[in-house]
Every structure is written in C-alpha cells, then in structure tokens.
N, C-alpha and C. Protein backbone atom coordinates (compact mmCIF):
# COMPACT_ATOMS: atom_id res chain seq x y z
N MET A 1 -11.82 -3.08 -12.27
CA MET A 1 -11.58 -3.77 -10.66
C MET A 1 -10.45 -2.53 -10.52
N THR A 2 -10.95 -2.23 -9.31
CA THR A 2 -9.89 -1.13 -8.53
C THR A 2 -8.70 -1.50 -7.93
N LEU A 3 -7.74 -0.93 -7.39
CA LEU A 3 -6.51 -1.50 -6.96
C LEU A 3 -6.65 -1.96 -5.86
N GLY A 4 -7.59 -1.57 -4.87
CA GLY A 4 -8.17 -2.32 -3.28
C GLY A 4 -8.89 -3.36 -3.83
N GLU A 5 -9.62 -3.34 -4.60
CA GLU A 5 -10.51 -5.20 -4.69
C GLU A 5 -8.91 -5.99 -5.53
N TYR A 6 -7.84 -5.54 -6.26
CA TYR A 6 -6.76 -6.23 -6.82
C TYR A 6 -5.75 -6.90 -5.58
N LEU A 7 -5.31 -5.81 -4.76
CA LEU A 7 -4.78 -6.00 -3.33
C LEU A 7 -5.60 -7.31 -2.49
N MET A 8 -6.77 -7.04 -2.15
CA MET A 8 -7.17 -8.33 -1.65
C MET A 8 -7.31 -9.64 -2.44
N TYR A 9 -7.35 -9.60 -3.66
CA TYR A 9 -7.25 -11.01 -4.32
C TYR A 9 -6.03 -10.75 -4.48
N TRP A 10 -4.76 -10.40 -4.82
CA TRP A 10 -3.57 -10.89 -4.04
C TRP A 10 -3.49 -11.50 -3.33
N ILE A 11 -3.79 -10.86 -2.07
CA ILE A 11 -3.32 -11.63 -0.54
C ILE A 11 -4.32 -12.31 -0.39
N ASP A 12 -5.45 -12.75 -0.81
CA ASP A 12 -6.31 -14.21 -0.82
C ASP A 12 -5.63 -15.35 -1.79
N ASN A 13 -5.25 -14.90 -2.97
CA ASN A 13 -4.97 -16.22 -4.12
C ASN A 13 -3.40 -16.23 -4.58
N LEU A 14 -2.97 -15.05 -4.48
CA LEU A 14 -1.70 -15.11 -5.09
C LEU A 14 -0.32 -15.25 -3.87
N LYS A 15 -0.65 -14.55 -2.77
CA LYS A 15 0.25 -14.53 -1.80
C LYS A 15 0.43 -15.60 -0.84
N VAL A 16 0.79 -16.51 -1.70
CA VAL A 16 0.91 -18.21 -0.59
C VAL A 16 2.12 -18.50 -0.06
N ASN A 17 2.63 -19.64 0.57
CA ASN A 17 3.59 -20.02 1.43
C ASN A 17 3.99 -18.30 2.32
N VAL A 18 3.04 -18.09 2.68
CA VAL A 18 3.36 -16.71 3.80
C VAL A 18 2.85 -16.85 4.84
N LYS A 19 3.70 -16.65 5.71
CA LYS A 19 3.11 -17.03 7.47
C LYS A 19 2.17 -15.84 7.54
N VAL A 20 1.04 -16.35 8.58
CA VAL A 20 0.09 -16.06 8.95
C VAL A 20 0.42 -14.51 9.34
N ASP A 21 1.47 -14.45 10.16
CA ASP A 21 1.32 -13.10 10.80
C ASP A 21 1.61 -11.90 9.82
N THR A 22 2.05 -12.25 8.55
CA THR A 22 2.71 -11.46 7.54
C THR A 22 1.26 -11.18 6.04
N ILE A 23 0.50 -12.18 6.22
CA ILE A 23 -0.34 -12.08 5.81
C ILE A 23 -1.60 -10.69 6.70
N GLN A 24 -1.64 -10.97 8.20
CA GLN A 24 -2.37 -9.55 8.66
C GLN A 24 -1.53 -8.60 8.74
N ILE A 25 -0.53 -8.51 8.47
CA ILE A 25 0.32 -6.85 8.61
C ILE A 25 -0.11 -6.84 7.20
N HIS A 26 0.11 -7.34 6.05
CA HIS A 26 -0.36 -6.85 4.62
C HIS A 26 -1.64 -6.18 4.50
N ARG A 27 -2.31 -7.07 5.29
CA ARG A 27 -3.70 -7.05 5.57
C ARG A 27 -4.29 -5.30 6.02
N ARG A 28 -3.39 -5.58 7.39
CA ARG A 28 -3.53 -4.08 7.80
C ARG A 28 -2.94 -2.80 7.10
N ASN A 29 -1.92 -3.27 6.52
CA ASN A 29 -1.28 -2.03 5.67
C ASN A 29 -2.53 -1.57 4.51
N ILE A 30 -2.73 -2.81 4.09
CA ILE A 30 -3.99 -2.24 2.70
C ILE A 30 -5.12 -1.37 3.34
N ARG A 31 -5.53 -1.83 4.34
CA ARG A 31 -6.88 -1.57 4.95
C ARG A 31 -6.30 0.04 5.29
N PHE A 32 -5.21 0.39 6.02
CA PHE A 32 -5.26 1.61 6.64
C PHE A 32 -4.24 2.40 5.87
N TYR A 33 -3.59 1.95 5.09
CA TYR A 33 -2.45 2.84 4.71
C TYR A 33 -2.88 2.88 2.83
N ILE A 34 -3.31 2.16 2.18
CA ILE A 34 -3.76 2.00 0.81
C ILE A 34 -4.81 2.36 0.23
N ASN A 35 -5.79 1.38 0.96
CA ASN A 35 -7.37 1.53 0.45
C ASN A 35 -7.82 3.11 0.67
N PRO A 36 -7.80 3.92 2.01
CA PRO A 36 -8.31 5.16 2.06
C PRO A 36 -7.55 5.88 0.86
N ARG A 37 -6.57 6.07 0.48
CA ARG A 37 -5.75 6.81 -0.29
C ARG A 37 -5.79 6.70 -1.75
N ILE A 38 -5.68 5.41 -2.06
CA ILE A 38 -5.53 5.04 -3.42
C ILE A 38 -6.71 3.75 -3.94
N GLY A 39 -6.97 3.15 -3.07
CA GLY A 39 -7.63 1.90 -2.99
C GLY A 39 -8.90 1.94 -4.53
N ASP A 40 -9.57 3.11 -4.25
CA ASP A 40 -10.87 3.52 -5.30
C ASP A 40 -10.51 3.65 -6.93
N TYR A 41 -8.95 3.64 -6.91
CA TYR A 41 -8.40 3.99 -8.43
C TYR A 41 -8.52 2.60 -9.44
N GLN A 42 -9.24 2.91 -10.41
CA GLN A 42 -9.33 1.72 -11.08
C GLN A 42 -8.09 0.88 -11.83
N LEU A 43 -7.60 -0.02 -12.05
CA LEU A 43 -6.49 -0.48 -12.38
C LEU A 43 -5.47 -0.04 -13.31
N LYS A 44 -6.74 0.06 -14.66
CA LYS A 44 -6.24 1.15 -15.62
C LYS A 44 -5.77 1.97 -15.47
N ASP A 45 -6.14 2.77 -15.01
CA ASP A 45 -5.97 4.32 -14.67
C ASP A 45 -4.89 4.27 -13.46
N TYR A 46 -4.41 3.39 -13.25
CA TYR A 46 -3.22 3.44 -11.90
C TYR A 46 -1.92 3.69 -12.60
N SER A 47 -1.40 4.96 -12.55
CA SER A 47 -0.05 4.85 -13.17
C SER A 47 1.12 5.31 -12.34
N PHE A 48 2.16 5.19 -12.88
CA PHE A 48 3.42 5.24 -12.22
C PHE A 48 3.32 6.69 -11.79
N ASN A 49 2.95 7.29 -12.00
CA ASN A 49 2.82 8.92 -11.73
C ASN A 49 1.79 8.94 -10.42
N VAL A 50 0.66 7.90 -10.81
CA VAL A 50 -0.10 8.26 -9.65
C VAL A 50 0.59 7.56 -8.68
N HIS A 51 1.06 6.15 -8.81
CA HIS A 51 2.14 5.79 -7.51
C HIS A 51 2.85 6.47 -6.74
N GLN A 52 3.86 7.34 -7.46
CA GLN A 52 5.20 7.84 -6.78
C GLN A 52 4.05 9.19 -6.15
N LYS A 53 2.88 9.89 -6.87
CA LYS A 53 2.92 10.82 -5.66
C LYS A 53 2.17 10.18 -4.38
N PHE A 54 1.63 8.83 -4.19
CA PHE A 54 0.53 8.26 -3.19
C PHE A 54 2.20 7.98 -2.43
N ILE A 55 3.42 7.98 -2.89
CA ILE A 55 4.72 7.26 -2.19
C ILE A 55 5.25 8.71 -1.09
N ASN A 56 5.27 9.99 -2.27
CA ASN A 56 5.64 11.04 -1.50
C ASN A 56 4.45 11.93 -0.32
N ASN A 57 3.31 11.56 -0.93
CA ASN A 57 2.09 11.91 0.08
C ASN A 57 2.36 11.25 1.39
N LEU A 58 3.02 9.81 1.66
CA LEU A 58 2.78 9.26 2.89
C LEU A 58 3.96 9.91 3.74
N PHE A 59 5.01 10.38 2.81
CA PHE A 59 6.21 11.17 3.42
C PHE A 59 6.07 12.14 4.21
N MET A 60 5.33 12.99 3.51
CA MET A 60 4.54 14.15 3.83
C MET A 60 3.39 14.63 4.44
N GLU A 61 2.42 13.31 4.62
CA GLU A 61 1.14 13.72 5.14
C GLU A 61 1.37 14.13 6.90
N GLU A 62 0.65 15.60 6.74
CA GLU A 62 0.46 15.93 7.96
C GLU A 62 -0.56 15.61 9.17
N GLY A 63 0.08 15.19 10.17
CA GLY A 63 -0.89 14.53 11.21
C GLY A 63 -0.78 12.99 11.17
N ALA A 64 0.27 12.64 10.35
CA ALA A 64 0.55 11.13 9.99
C ALA A 64 2.16 10.91 10.82
N GLY A 65 2.02 9.48 11.05
CA GLY A 65 3.35 9.18 11.84
C GLY A 65 3.72 9.91 12.94
N ARG A 66 4.72 9.38 13.81
CA ARG A 66 5.58 9.91 14.97
C ARG A 66 5.34 10.94 15.14
N SER A 67 5.87 12.04 14.29
CA SER A 67 6.43 13.27 13.93
C SER A 67 5.19 13.97 13.72
N LYS A 68 4.15 13.72 13.07
CA LYS A 68 2.95 14.32 12.95
C LYS A 68 3.40 15.00 11.70
N HIS A 69 4.27 14.63 10.87
CA HIS A 69 4.56 15.11 9.57
C HIS A 69 5.10 14.16 8.55
N GLY A 70 4.26 13.19 8.69
CA GLY A 70 4.51 11.90 7.80
C GLY A 70 4.88 10.97 8.07
N TYR A 71 5.00 9.71 7.28
CA TYR A 71 5.17 8.57 8.01
C TYR A 71 6.75 8.05 7.48
N GLY A 72 7.35 7.29 8.37
CA GLY A 72 9.03 6.76 8.02
C GLY A 72 8.95 5.88 6.81
N TRP A 73 10.05 5.71 6.54
CA TRP A 73 10.35 5.16 5.65
C TRP A 73 9.73 3.52 5.82
N ASN A 74 10.04 3.10 7.12
CA ASN A 74 9.65 1.61 7.51
C ASN A 74 8.15 1.71 7.62
N THR A 75 7.59 2.37 7.58
CA THR A 75 5.99 2.35 7.16
C THR A 75 5.85 2.39 6.02
N VAL A 76 6.30 3.47 5.20
CA VAL A 76 5.84 3.56 3.67
C VAL A 76 6.27 2.25 3.06
N GLN A 77 7.58 1.58 3.17
CA GLN A 77 8.22 0.48 2.56
C GLN A 77 7.27 -0.69 2.55
N SER A 78 6.86 -0.94 3.84
CA SER A 78 5.79 -2.04 4.32
C SER A 78 4.62 -2.23 3.90
N SER A 79 4.29 -1.24 2.84
CA SER A 79 2.93 -1.49 2.10
C SER A 79 2.79 -2.32 1.36
N PRO A 80 2.23 -3.35 0.87
CA PRO A 80 2.35 -4.10 -0.22
C PRO A 80 2.28 -3.65 -1.65
N SER A 81 1.73 -2.36 -2.35
CA SER A 81 1.64 -1.93 -3.09
C SER A 81 3.41 -1.16 -3.66
N ILE A 82 3.98 -1.01 -2.45
CA ILE A 82 5.32 -0.13 -2.83
C ILE A 82 6.50 -1.10 -3.00
N ARG A 83 6.03 -2.58 -2.01
CA ARG A 83 6.96 -3.51 -2.18
C ARG A 83 7.08 -3.98 -3.59
N ARG A 84 5.80 -4.39 -4.14
CA ARG A 84 5.62 -4.83 -5.44
C ARG A 84 6.04 -4.18 -6.64
N SER A 85 6.01 -2.78 -6.27
CA SER A 85 6.61 -1.85 -7.67
C SER A 85 8.29 -1.87 -7.37
N GLN A 86 8.65 -2.29 -6.25
CA GLN A 86 10.47 -2.53 -6.22
C GLN A 86 10.81 -3.58 -6.93
N THR A 87 10.06 -4.72 -7.34
CA THR A 87 10.46 -5.78 -7.84
C THR A 87 10.61 -5.77 -9.42
N PRO A 88 11.83 -6.01 -9.63
CA PRO A 88 11.97 -5.68 -11.23
C PRO A 88 11.01 -6.77 -12.02
C-alpha cells in the first residue's frame, strides 16, 4: 500500500466525527501537496528521514507559495501527514 492510498483510506474510514469542510481541506491537501511529492512511496519504505526531507522541501520549493520560494508554516502544517507525525 502506498502512502497516498493509506491517506485516502484514513480520510474515508478513520477520520470520523469531523466537519465536512475539514475533510474537504484534508482531501485537497493530500491531492495538491502530498500525493504529487510522496504519494507513491510504499508505506514500508516511508521513513522519518523521507518525511523530514518532504517537510524541508515544502519550505524551500522554488516557485511555490506566495513568496515563490517555498510554502509558509500554515500551509505545511495543514498537511494531514505532518499533523499525524506531530502527535505523540
């Protein structure tokens, strides 16, 4: 199973008791920020180092965000895979 497949499973089956708007935001973030960059990773191959590199690259991605020099903290933090990694 890939990370992208898992996140869609998560949003459809495990993310319950959440407002419809929140689910739509998560789906958009998965579609625009996660799947194009790391969605094809097999879960077994997805490590902390890969995740940290993904986060770092979002902050530094040329042509992205308002500054065109990377996404801001609020955009990066809104990604479901990042939120999940921040929970103990």
